[in-house]
Amino acid sequence: MIPAQKSMAAFTSFSFLRNYATTGRIVAIVRASPRLSSSPTSINFLTPNHSRRYLCRASATHDEEAAAKAAAINADNGAPTIFDKIIAKEIPSTIVYEDDKVLAFKDISPQAPVHVLVIPKFRDGLTQLGKAEQRHGEILGQLLYAARIVAEKEGILDGFRVVINNGPSACQSVYHLHLHVLGGRQMKWPPG
C-alpha cells in the first residue's frame, strides 16, 4: 500500500460501485473529513485503474437542489422540454418501450443498473403529479402499466422501484411528468 493509500484509509469512509453506461464502473468514495472536502456532501469519484486521485468531485445534494429550483421557475410556461424533443426524435435515446401514449427510454445518468424513464407522449398539463386531475386517470394508469412492462423487458420484474419526483423539494428537474423505473440491485428502505 502506498503512503497516500494508507493515509486515505485512516478516514471514515465507505465505497460503492455505480454502473455508468458510457464510462464503465466507477468507484465513489464518500468522505466526511474536512481535510478532503469543505462540503460534507461531496463525492469523490475514482476509476479503479486511474492514476489520478480524483476524476471529478460533485456535491450532489446542492447541485440537484439548485437544478430543481431553476427548473421550477419555468415549469408551467408550455415550452418544449427535453422529453418533448426525445418524443419528437430530435434527441436520440435508447427506447425500451413505446406505444401510442407512452414512451420509455434509458436514463442518461442512471442511479441503478436499470434506470428507465416512462413518460406520457402528450403532457396535457401534467408537468408534475401534483397537477394531476381526474381526467388524467387513464394516462396515469397507462404509465404504471408501462412501468411493469419495462420491468419485465429489463428482467427486473421480481424487484424494482417506481419513483415520481414532484416539485423542487423532491428535486424534479424536468417538468414533464415522468416515472423512474429502478432496479437491478438491492433497494434499501427508507429511500431518499
Protein backbone atom coordinates (compact mmCIF):
# COMPACT_ATOMS: atom_id res chain seq x y z
CA MET A 1 0.00 0.00 0.00
CA ILE A 2 1.46 3.39 -0.96
CA PRO A 3 1.60 6.20 1.68
CA ALA A 4 -1.31 8.10 0.11
CA GLN A 5 -3.49 4.99 0.31
CA LYS A 6 -2.54 4.44 3.99
CA SER A 7 -3.48 7.98 4.94
CA MET A 8 -6.72 7.78 2.97
CA ALA A 9 -7.64 4.53 4.75
CA ALA A 10 -7.50 6.30 8.11
CA PHE A 11 -10.56 8.39 7.33
CA THR A 12 -14.09 7.20 7.94
CA SER A 13 -15.44 6.39 4.52
CA PHE A 14 -17.47 3.98 2.51
CA SER A 15 -17.35 2.92 -1.10
CA PHE A 16 -19.94 1.84 -3.58
CA LEU A 17 -19.99 0.90 -7.23
CA ARG A 18 -22.17 2.75 -9.66
CA ASN A 19 -22.72 1.50 -13.18
CA TYR A 20 -22.44 4.13 -15.87
CA ALA A 21 -23.39 3.00 -19.37
CA THR A 22 -20.80 5.15 -21.12
CA THR A 23 -17.88 5.19 -18.67
CA GLY A 24 -17.90 1.71 -17.19
CA ARG A 25 -17.68 1.13 -13.46
CA ILE A 26 -16.68 3.99 -11.22
CA VAL A 27 -15.82 3.74 -7.55
CA ALA A 28 -17.17 6.57 -5.42
CA ILE A 29 -15.64 7.25 -2.03
CA VAL A 30 -17.64 9.49 0.27
CA ARG A 31 -15.61 11.15 2.98
CA ALA A 32 -16.76 13.23 5.92
CA SER A 33 -13.30 14.62 6.69
CA PRO A 34 -12.99 18.41 6.36
CA ARG A 35 -9.40 17.91 5.13
CA LEU A 36 -10.71 16.23 1.99
CA SER A 37 -13.70 18.41 1.35
CA SER A 38 -15.29 21.61 2.56
CA SER A 39 -18.75 20.13 1.94
CA PRO A 40 -19.98 17.05 3.86
CA THR A 41 -21.99 16.03 0.79
CA SER A 42 -19.05 15.88 -1.57
CA ILE A 43 -18.42 12.70 -3.51
CA ASN A 44 -15.02 11.96 -4.96
CA PHE A 45 -15.08 9.63 -7.97
CA LEU A 46 -12.15 7.37 -8.79
CA THR A 47 -11.80 4.89 -11.60
CA PRO A 48 -10.32 1.59 -10.38
CA ASN A 49 -7.28 1.75 -12.70
CA HIS A 50 -6.89 5.52 -12.85
CA SER A 51 -3.57 7.01 -11.68
CA ARG A 52 -5.01 10.40 -10.66
CA ARG A 53 -6.57 10.57 -7.22
CA TYR A 54 -9.84 12.24 -8.25
CA LEU A 55 -11.56 12.07 -11.59
CA CYS A 56 -14.21 14.55 -10.50
CA ARG A 57 -15.87 15.92 -7.39
CA ALA A 58 -19.60 16.50 -7.10
CA SER A 59 -21.77 17.99 -4.42
CA ALA A 60 -24.83 16.02 -5.45
CA THR A 61 -27.34 17.35 -2.96
CA HIS A 62 -26.61 21.02 -3.60
CA ASP A 63 -26.39 20.66 -7.39
CA GLU A 64 -29.62 18.66 -7.65
CA GLU A 65 -31.48 21.09 -5.41
CA ALA A 66 -30.22 24.11 -7.36
CA ALA A 67 -31.13 22.50 -10.70
CA ALA A 68 -34.60 21.62 -9.42
CA LYS A 69 -35.23 25.17 -8.18
CA ALA A 70 -34.04 26.62 -11.51
CA ALA A 71 -36.27 24.22 -13.50
CA ALA A 72 -39.30 25.09 -11.36
CA ILE A 73 -39.14 28.73 -12.44
CA ASN A 74 -40.25 27.85 -15.99
CA ALA A 75 -42.27 24.74 -15.11
CA ASP A 76 -45.61 25.84 -16.49
CA ASN A 77 -44.60 28.09 -19.39
CA GLY A 78 -45.60 25.48 -22.01
CA ALA A 79 -42.20 25.48 -23.70
CA PRO A 80 -40.97 22.12 -25.04
CA THR A 81 -38.99 20.07 -22.55
CA ILE A 82 -36.08 17.77 -23.29
CA PHE A 83 -38.64 14.94 -23.14
CA ASP A 84 -40.73 16.57 -25.87
CA LYS A 85 -37.60 16.61 -28.02
CA ILE A 86 -36.96 12.92 -27.27
CA ILE A 87 -40.58 12.09 -28.21
CA ALA A 88 -40.13 14.03 -31.49
CA LYS A 89 -36.88 12.07 -32.10
CA GLU A 90 -34.92 15.35 -32.19
CA ILE A 91 -32.71 13.99 -29.40
CA PRO A 92 -31.59 10.35 -29.56
CA SER A 93 -32.48 7.94 -26.78
CA THR A 94 -32.40 4.23 -26.09
CA ILE A 95 -36.07 3.31 -26.25
CA VAL A 96 -37.18 0.38 -24.11
CA TYR A 97 -40.94 0.57 -24.74
CA GLU A 98 -43.29 2.68 -26.84
CA ASP A 99 -46.98 2.71 -27.63
CA ASP A 100 -49.34 5.41 -28.88
CA LYS A 101 -49.47 7.22 -25.50
CA VAL A 102 -46.32 6.29 -23.58
CA LEU A 103 -42.56 6.30 -24.22
CA ALA A 104 -39.95 4.61 -22.03
CA PHE A 105 -36.21 5.14 -22.51
CA LYS A 106 -32.98 4.62 -20.58
CA ASP A 107 -31.86 7.43 -18.29
CA ILE A 108 -28.57 9.03 -19.41
CA SER A 109 -27.46 9.31 -15.78
CA PRO A 110 -28.55 6.01 -14.26
CA GLN A 111 -28.93 5.71 -10.49
CA ALA A 112 -29.17 1.90 -10.64
CA PRO A 113 -28.07 -0.81 -13.10
CA VAL A 114 -31.55 -0.47 -14.65
CA HIS A 115 -32.90 3.08 -14.77
CA VAL A 116 -35.63 3.78 -17.30
CA LEU A 117 -37.85 6.86 -17.59
CA VAL A 118 -41.51 6.40 -18.51
CA ILE A 119 -43.30 9.48 -19.87
CA PRO A 120 -46.63 10.38 -21.44
CA LYS A 121 -46.24 11.42 -25.09
CA PHE A 122 -48.68 14.30 -24.53
CA ARG A 123 -48.22 16.43 -21.41
CA ASP A 124 -51.81 17.72 -21.31
CA GLY A 125 -50.95 19.87 -18.28
CA LEU A 126 -49.14 17.03 -16.48
CA THR A 127 -45.92 18.83 -15.71
CA GLN A 128 -45.87 17.07 -12.33
CA LEU A 129 -48.02 14.60 -10.39
CA GLY A 130 -49.28 17.43 -8.18
CA LYS A 131 -51.03 18.89 -11.26
CA ALA A 132 -52.98 15.68 -12.00
CA GLU A 133 -56.73 15.96 -12.37
CA GLN A 134 -59.44 13.32 -12.61
CA ARG A 135 -59.25 13.50 -16.41
CA HIS A 136 -55.65 12.22 -16.21
CA GLY A 137 -56.63 8.93 -14.57
CA GLU A 138 -56.30 6.87 -17.74
CA ILE A 139 -52.80 8.08 -18.67
CA LEU A 140 -51.60 7.69 -15.07
CA GLY A 141 -52.72 4.05 -15.16
CA GLN A 142 -51.04 3.56 -18.54
CA LEU A 143 -47.78 4.98 -17.15
CA LEU A 144 -47.83 2.50 -14.27
CA TYR A 145 -48.68 -0.40 -16.57
CA ALA A 146 -45.83 0.67 -18.89
CA ALA A 147 -43.50 0.63 -15.85
CA ARG A 148 -44.47 -3.02 -15.31
CA ILE A 149 -43.78 -3.83 -18.97
CA VAL A 150 -40.39 -2.10 -18.73
CA ALA A 151 -39.54 -4.10 -15.60
CA GLU A 152 -40.38 -7.32 -17.43
CA LYS A 153 -38.36 -6.36 -20.54
CA GLU A 154 -35.37 -5.37 -18.40
CA GLY A 155 -35.52 -8.60 -16.36
CA ILE A 156 -36.26 -6.95 -13.01
CA LEU A 157 -39.91 -7.92 -12.55
CA ASP A 158 -39.04 -9.72 -9.30
CA GLY A 159 -37.84 -6.45 -7.70
CA PHE A 160 -37.98 -2.86 -8.90
CA ARG A 161 -38.92 0.61 -7.67
CA VAL A 162 -41.05 3.29 -9.34
CA VAL A 163 -40.27 6.87 -8.32
CA ILE A 164 -42.01 10.14 -9.21
CA ASN A 165 -40.30 13.36 -8.14
CA ASN A 166 -42.88 16.13 -7.64
CA GLY A 167 -41.66 19.72 -7.47
CA PRO A 168 -38.39 21.35 -6.41
CA SER A 169 -38.41 19.90 -2.88
CA ALA A 170 -38.34 16.42 -4.46
CA CYS A 171 -35.61 17.51 -6.93
CA GLN A 172 -37.83 17.34 -10.02
CA SER A 173 -35.65 18.77 -12.79
CA VAL A 174 -37.81 18.19 -15.91
CA TYR A 175 -41.38 19.46 -15.79
CA HIS A 176 -42.95 16.76 -17.91
CA LEU A 177 -44.41 14.06 -15.65
CA HIS A 178 -42.13 11.02 -15.65
CA LEU A 179 -41.67 7.81 -13.71
CA HIS A 180 -38.27 6.41 -12.85
CA VAL A 181 -38.16 2.61 -13.01
CA LEU A 182 -35.14 1.48 -10.99
CA GLY A 183 -33.78 -2.00 -10.40
CA GLY A 184 -31.03 -4.50 -10.95
CA ARG A 185 -29.69 -4.15 -7.40
CA GLN A 186 -30.95 -4.50 -3.85
CA MET A 187 -33.05 -1.44 -2.96
CA LYS A 188 -32.84 -0.04 0.57
CA TRP A 189 -35.51 1.41 2.83
CA PRO A 190 -36.16 4.17 3.57
CA PRO A 191 -35.34 5.76 0.21
CA GLY A 192 -34.03 9.32 -0.20
